[in-house]
Amino acid sequence: MPKKGTGGFEKGRLFIFFRIVFPEMGALGPDEIATLKSVLPGPDSAPSYDPDEVEEYTTEQVDIKEFGKRDPNEQGAYDSDEEDGERGVQCQQG
């Protein structure tokens, strides 16, 4: 995810938590298996995408305790973009 105020050049940390529960062996009958095969892509299907429009990223394992922690150098959504009380040009109200 791009960090606010960096023009999209600096990336933050995006956490995605997956919990996948697979059925026990033999829990699905032939009808359920046929239904799943009809709605899911086959194992040989190649993804269709434009390589010029996709940004590839390799995931890495992290400690779940890191989830929700802020980078001390990162500004929050409610923090001001102005630093040290400096103010830009203000429009005159009249």
N, C-alpha and C. Protein backbone atom coordinates (compact mmCIF):
# COMPACT_ATOMS: atom_id res chain seq x y z
N MET A 1 0.85 -1.17 0.00
CA MET A 1 0.00 0.00 0.00
C MET A 1 0.90 1.24 0.00
N PRO A 2 0.60 2.20 -0.86
CA PRO A 2 1.40 3.43 -0.87
C PRO A 2 1.18 4.23 0.42
N LYS A 3 2.25 4.86 0.89
CA LYS A 3 2.15 5.71 2.08
C LYS A 3 1.65 7.09 1.69
N LYS A 4 0.82 7.66 2.53
CA LYS A 4 0.25 8.98 2.30
C LYS A 4 1.37 10.01 2.22
N GLY A 5 1.25 10.90 1.25
CA GLY A 5 2.20 11.99 1.13
C GLY A 5 3.48 11.64 0.40
N THR A 6 3.60 10.42 -0.14
CA THR A 6 4.83 10.04 -0.84
C THR A 6 4.63 9.96 -2.34
N GLY A 7 3.43 10.30 -2.82
CA GLY A 7 3.16 10.23 -4.24
C GLY A 7 3.10 8.80 -4.76
N GLY A 8 2.97 7.85 -3.87
CA GLY A 8 2.88 6.45 -4.27
C GLY A 8 4.22 5.76 -4.44
N PHE A 9 5.31 6.49 -4.18
CA PHE A 9 6.63 5.90 -4.38
C PHE A 9 7.11 5.09 -3.18
N GLU A 10 6.63 5.43 -1.99
CA GLU A 10 7.05 4.73 -0.79
C GLU A 10 5.92 3.81 -0.34
N LYS A 11 6.24 2.56 -0.12
CA LYS A 11 5.22 1.57 0.23
C LYS A 11 5.22 1.30 1.73
N GLY A 12 4.03 1.06 2.25
CA GLY A 12 3.88 0.67 3.65
C GLY A 12 3.78 -0.85 3.75
N ARG A 13 3.25 -1.32 4.86
CA ARG A 13 3.10 -2.75 5.07
C ARG A 13 1.62 -3.10 5.00
N LEU A 14 1.27 -4.05 4.14
CA LEU A 14 -0.09 -4.52 4.00
C LEU A 14 -0.17 -5.91 4.59
N PHE A 15 -1.03 -6.09 5.58
CA PHE A 15 -1.20 -7.39 6.21
C PHE A 15 -2.48 -8.02 5.68
N ILE A 16 -2.39 -9.25 5.22
CA ILE A 16 -3.54 -10.03 4.80
C ILE A 16 -3.49 -11.33 5.60
N PHE A 17 -4.54 -11.57 6.34
CA PHE A 17 -4.60 -12.77 7.19
C PHE A 17 -5.54 -13.77 6.54
N PHE A 18 -5.02 -14.93 6.16
CA PHE A 18 -5.82 -15.98 5.55
C PHE A 18 -6.02 -17.10 6.56
N ARG A 19 -7.22 -17.54 6.68
CA ARG A 19 -7.51 -18.74 7.47
C ARG A 19 -8.30 -19.66 6.54
N ILE A 20 -7.67 -20.72 6.10
CA ILE A 20 -8.29 -21.64 5.15
C ILE A 20 -8.56 -22.96 5.86
N VAL A 21 -9.80 -23.38 5.81
CA VAL A 21 -10.18 -24.65 6.43
C VAL A 21 -10.60 -25.59 5.30
N PHE A 22 -9.83 -26.63 5.11
CA PHE A 22 -10.13 -27.62 4.09
C PHE A 22 -10.99 -28.72 4.70
N PRO A 23 -11.90 -29.27 3.91
CA PRO A 23 -12.72 -30.37 4.44
C PRO A 23 -11.87 -31.62 4.69
N GLU A 24 -12.30 -32.40 5.64
CA GLU A 24 -11.61 -33.66 5.93
C GLU A 24 -11.72 -34.58 4.72
N MET A 25 -10.77 -35.46 4.57
CA MET A 25 -10.77 -36.41 3.46
C MET A 25 -12.04 -37.25 3.53
N GLY A 26 -12.77 -37.30 2.44
CA GLY A 26 -13.99 -38.10 2.38
C GLY A 26 -15.24 -37.37 2.84
N ALA A 27 -15.10 -36.11 3.29
CA ALA A 27 -16.26 -35.36 3.79
C ALA A 27 -17.16 -34.88 2.67
N LEU A 28 -16.62 -34.74 1.45
CA LEU A 28 -17.42 -34.29 0.32
C LEU A 28 -17.86 -35.48 -0.53
N GLY A 29 -19.12 -35.47 -0.90
CA GLY A 29 -19.65 -36.53 -1.77
C GLY A 29 -19.41 -36.18 -3.23
N PRO A 30 -19.74 -37.08 -4.13
CA PRO A 30 -19.52 -36.86 -5.56
C PRO A 30 -20.25 -35.62 -6.10
N ASP A 31 -21.46 -35.36 -5.59
CA ASP A 31 -22.21 -34.19 -6.06
C ASP A 31 -21.51 -32.88 -5.65
N GLU A 32 -21.02 -32.81 -4.42
CA GLU A 32 -20.32 -31.61 -3.96
C GLU A 32 -19.02 -31.40 -4.73
N ILE A 33 -18.32 -32.49 -4.99
CA ILE A 33 -17.06 -32.40 -5.74
C ILE A 33 -17.34 -31.91 -7.17
N ALA A 34 -18.39 -32.41 -7.80
CA ALA A 34 -18.74 -31.99 -9.15
C ALA A 34 -19.12 -30.51 -9.17
N THR A 35 -19.85 -30.05 -8.14
CA THR A 35 -20.22 -28.63 -8.06
C THR A 35 -18.98 -27.76 -7.93
N LEU A 36 -18.05 -28.15 -7.07
CA LEU A 36 -16.82 -27.37 -6.91
C LEU A 36 -16.02 -27.32 -8.21
N LYS A 37 -15.91 -28.44 -8.90
CA LYS A 37 -15.18 -28.47 -10.16
C LYS A 37 -15.83 -27.60 -11.23
N SER A 38 -17.16 -27.45 -11.16
CA SER A 38 -17.84 -26.63 -12.16
C SER A 38 -17.67 -25.13 -11.91
N VAL A 39 -17.43 -24.73 -10.66
CA VAL A 39 -17.34 -23.29 -10.36
C VAL A 39 -15.89 -22.80 -10.18
N LEU A 40 -14.97 -23.72 -9.94
CA LEU A 40 -13.57 -23.33 -9.75
C LEU A 40 -12.78 -23.56 -11.03
N PRO A 41 -11.73 -22.74 -11.26
CA PRO A 41 -10.90 -22.97 -12.44
C PRO A 41 -10.11 -24.27 -12.30
N GLY A 42 -9.81 -24.86 -13.42
CA GLY A 42 -9.04 -26.10 -13.42
C GLY A 42 -7.60 -25.85 -13.00
N PRO A 43 -6.87 -26.91 -12.69
CA PRO A 43 -5.49 -26.76 -12.23
C PRO A 43 -4.54 -26.24 -13.30
N ASP A 44 -4.89 -26.38 -14.59
CA ASP A 44 -4.00 -25.96 -15.66
C ASP A 44 -4.29 -24.54 -16.16
N SER A 45 -5.26 -23.86 -15.57
CA SER A 45 -5.63 -22.54 -16.07
C SER A 45 -4.54 -21.52 -15.75
N ALA A 46 -4.16 -20.76 -16.76
CA ALA A 46 -3.15 -19.71 -16.59
C ALA A 46 -3.87 -18.39 -16.32
N PRO A 47 -3.39 -17.61 -15.37
CA PRO A 47 -4.05 -16.33 -15.10
C PRO A 47 -3.90 -15.38 -16.29
N SER A 48 -4.95 -14.63 -16.57
CA SER A 48 -4.88 -13.67 -17.66
C SER A 48 -4.72 -12.27 -17.07
N TYR A 49 -3.64 -11.62 -17.40
CA TYR A 49 -3.38 -10.26 -16.93
C TYR A 49 -2.39 -9.60 -17.87
N ASP A 50 -2.38 -8.29 -17.84
CA ASP A 50 -1.45 -7.51 -18.64
C ASP A 50 -0.19 -7.27 -17.80
N PRO A 51 0.95 -7.84 -18.18
CA PRO A 51 2.17 -7.70 -17.37
C PRO A 51 2.60 -6.25 -17.18
N ASP A 52 2.18 -5.34 -18.08
CA ASP A 52 2.54 -3.93 -17.92
C ASP A 52 1.67 -3.25 -16.86
N GLU A 53 0.56 -3.85 -16.50
CA GLU A 53 -0.37 -3.25 -15.54
C GLU A 53 -0.31 -3.89 -14.16
N VAL A 54 0.52 -4.92 -13.99
CA VAL A 54 0.56 -5.67 -12.74
C VAL A 54 1.89 -5.45 -12.05
N GLU A 55 1.82 -5.23 -10.74
CA GLU A 55 3.04 -5.12 -9.94
C GLU A 55 3.17 -6.41 -9.13
N GLU A 56 4.22 -7.16 -9.39
CA GLU A 56 4.42 -8.41 -8.68
C GLU A 56 5.11 -8.16 -7.35
N TYR A 57 4.73 -8.94 -6.36
CA TYR A 57 5.33 -8.83 -5.04
C TYR A 57 5.38 -10.22 -4.43
N THR A 58 6.48 -10.55 -3.81
CA THR A 58 6.62 -11.82 -3.14
C THR A 58 6.27 -11.62 -1.67
N THR A 59 5.36 -12.45 -1.18
CA THR A 59 4.95 -12.32 0.21
C THR A 59 6.03 -12.87 1.13
N GLU A 60 5.95 -12.45 2.35
CA GLU A 60 6.89 -12.95 3.36
C GLU A 60 6.13 -13.16 4.65
N GLN A 61 6.58 -14.12 5.41
CA GLN A 61 5.94 -14.38 6.69
C GLN A 61 6.38 -13.33 7.71
N VAL A 62 5.43 -12.90 8.52
CA VAL A 62 5.73 -11.95 9.58
C VAL A 62 5.09 -12.44 10.87
N ASP A 63 5.53 -11.88 11.96
CA ASP A 63 4.95 -12.20 13.26
C ASP A 63 3.60 -11.49 13.36
N ILE A 64 2.55 -12.22 13.69
CA ILE A 64 1.21 -11.64 13.76
C ILE A 64 1.14 -10.53 14.80
N LYS A 65 2.08 -10.49 15.73
CA LYS A 65 2.11 -9.43 16.74
C LYS A 65 2.45 -8.07 16.12
N GLU A 66 2.99 -8.09 14.89
CA GLU A 66 3.32 -6.85 14.20
C GLU A 66 2.08 -6.19 13.61
N PHE A 67 0.98 -6.95 13.47
CA PHE A 67 -0.25 -6.43 12.87
C PHE A 67 -0.79 -5.28 13.72
N GLY A 68 -1.05 -4.16 13.07
CA GLY A 68 -1.61 -3.01 13.75
C GLY A 68 -0.59 -2.06 14.34
N LYS A 69 0.67 -2.43 14.35
CA LYS A 69 1.70 -1.52 14.87
C LYS A 69 2.05 -0.48 13.83
N ARG A 70 2.25 0.74 14.28
CA ARG A 70 2.61 1.82 13.37
C ARG A 70 4.11 1.96 13.28
N ASP A 71 4.55 2.34 12.11
CA ASP A 71 5.94 2.71 11.90
C ASP A 71 6.14 4.05 12.59
N PRO A 72 7.14 4.20 13.46
CA PRO A 72 7.31 5.47 14.18
C PRO A 72 7.58 6.65 13.26
N ASN A 73 8.03 6.41 12.05
CA ASN A 73 8.30 7.49 11.10
C ASN A 73 7.10 7.82 10.23
N GLU A 74 6.02 7.07 10.38
CA GLU A 74 4.86 7.23 9.52
C GLU A 74 3.85 8.19 10.14
N GLN A 75 3.28 9.07 9.30
CA GLN A 75 2.24 9.95 9.77
C GLN A 75 0.92 9.21 9.70
N GLY A 76 0.04 9.48 10.66
CA GLY A 76 -1.29 8.88 10.64
C GLY A 76 -2.21 9.67 9.73
N ALA A 77 -3.39 9.13 9.50
CA ALA A 77 -4.36 9.76 8.62
C ALA A 77 -4.80 11.11 9.16
N TYR A 78 -4.76 11.30 10.47
CA TYR A 78 -5.21 12.55 11.07
C TYR A 78 -4.07 13.50 11.39
N ASP A 79 -2.84 13.06 11.16
CA ASP A 79 -1.69 13.95 11.39
C ASP A 79 -1.65 14.99 10.28
N SER A 80 -1.13 16.14 10.61
CA SER A 80 -1.03 17.22 9.64
C SER A 80 0.11 16.94 8.67
N ASP A 81 -0.06 17.37 7.44
CA ASP A 81 1.02 17.26 6.46
C ASP A 81 2.09 18.31 6.72
N GLU A 82 1.73 19.33 7.50
CA GLU A 82 2.69 20.39 7.81
C GLU A 82 3.51 19.96 9.01
N GLU A 83 4.80 20.23 8.95
CA GLU A 83 5.67 19.84 10.04
C GLU A 83 6.13 21.07 10.81
N ASP A 84 6.35 20.90 12.09
CA ASP A 84 6.89 21.93 12.97
C ASP A 84 6.07 23.21 12.92
N GLY A 85 4.78 23.12 12.70
CA GLY A 85 3.93 24.30 12.74
C GLY A 85 4.07 25.23 11.56
N GLU A 86 4.86 24.85 10.55
CA GLU A 86 5.01 25.72 9.39
C GLU A 86 3.69 25.76 8.64
N ARG A 87 3.35 26.94 8.17
CA ARG A 87 2.09 27.09 7.45
C ARG A 87 2.37 27.60 6.05
N GLY A 88 1.62 27.10 5.09
CA GLY A 88 1.76 27.56 3.71
C GLY A 88 0.95 28.84 3.50
N VAL A 89 0.89 29.27 2.28
CA VAL A 89 0.14 30.47 1.91
C VAL A 89 -1.33 30.21 2.13
N GLN A 90 -2.01 31.16 2.77
CA GLN A 90 -3.44 31.02 3.03
C GLN A 90 -4.20 31.95 2.10
N CYS A 91 -5.39 31.51 1.65
CA CYS A 91 -6.23 32.36 0.82
C CYS A 91 -6.87 33.43 1.70
N GLN A 92 -6.94 34.63 1.18
CA GLN A 92 -7.55 35.72 1.96
C GLN A 92 -9.05 35.61 1.85
N GLN A 93 -9.69 35.64 2.99
CA GLN A 93 -11.15 35.60 3.05
C GLN A 93 -11.66 37.03 3.05
N GLY A 94 -12.66 37.32 2.28
CA GLY A 94 -13.07 38.70 2.27
C GLY A 94 -14.47 38.90 2.27
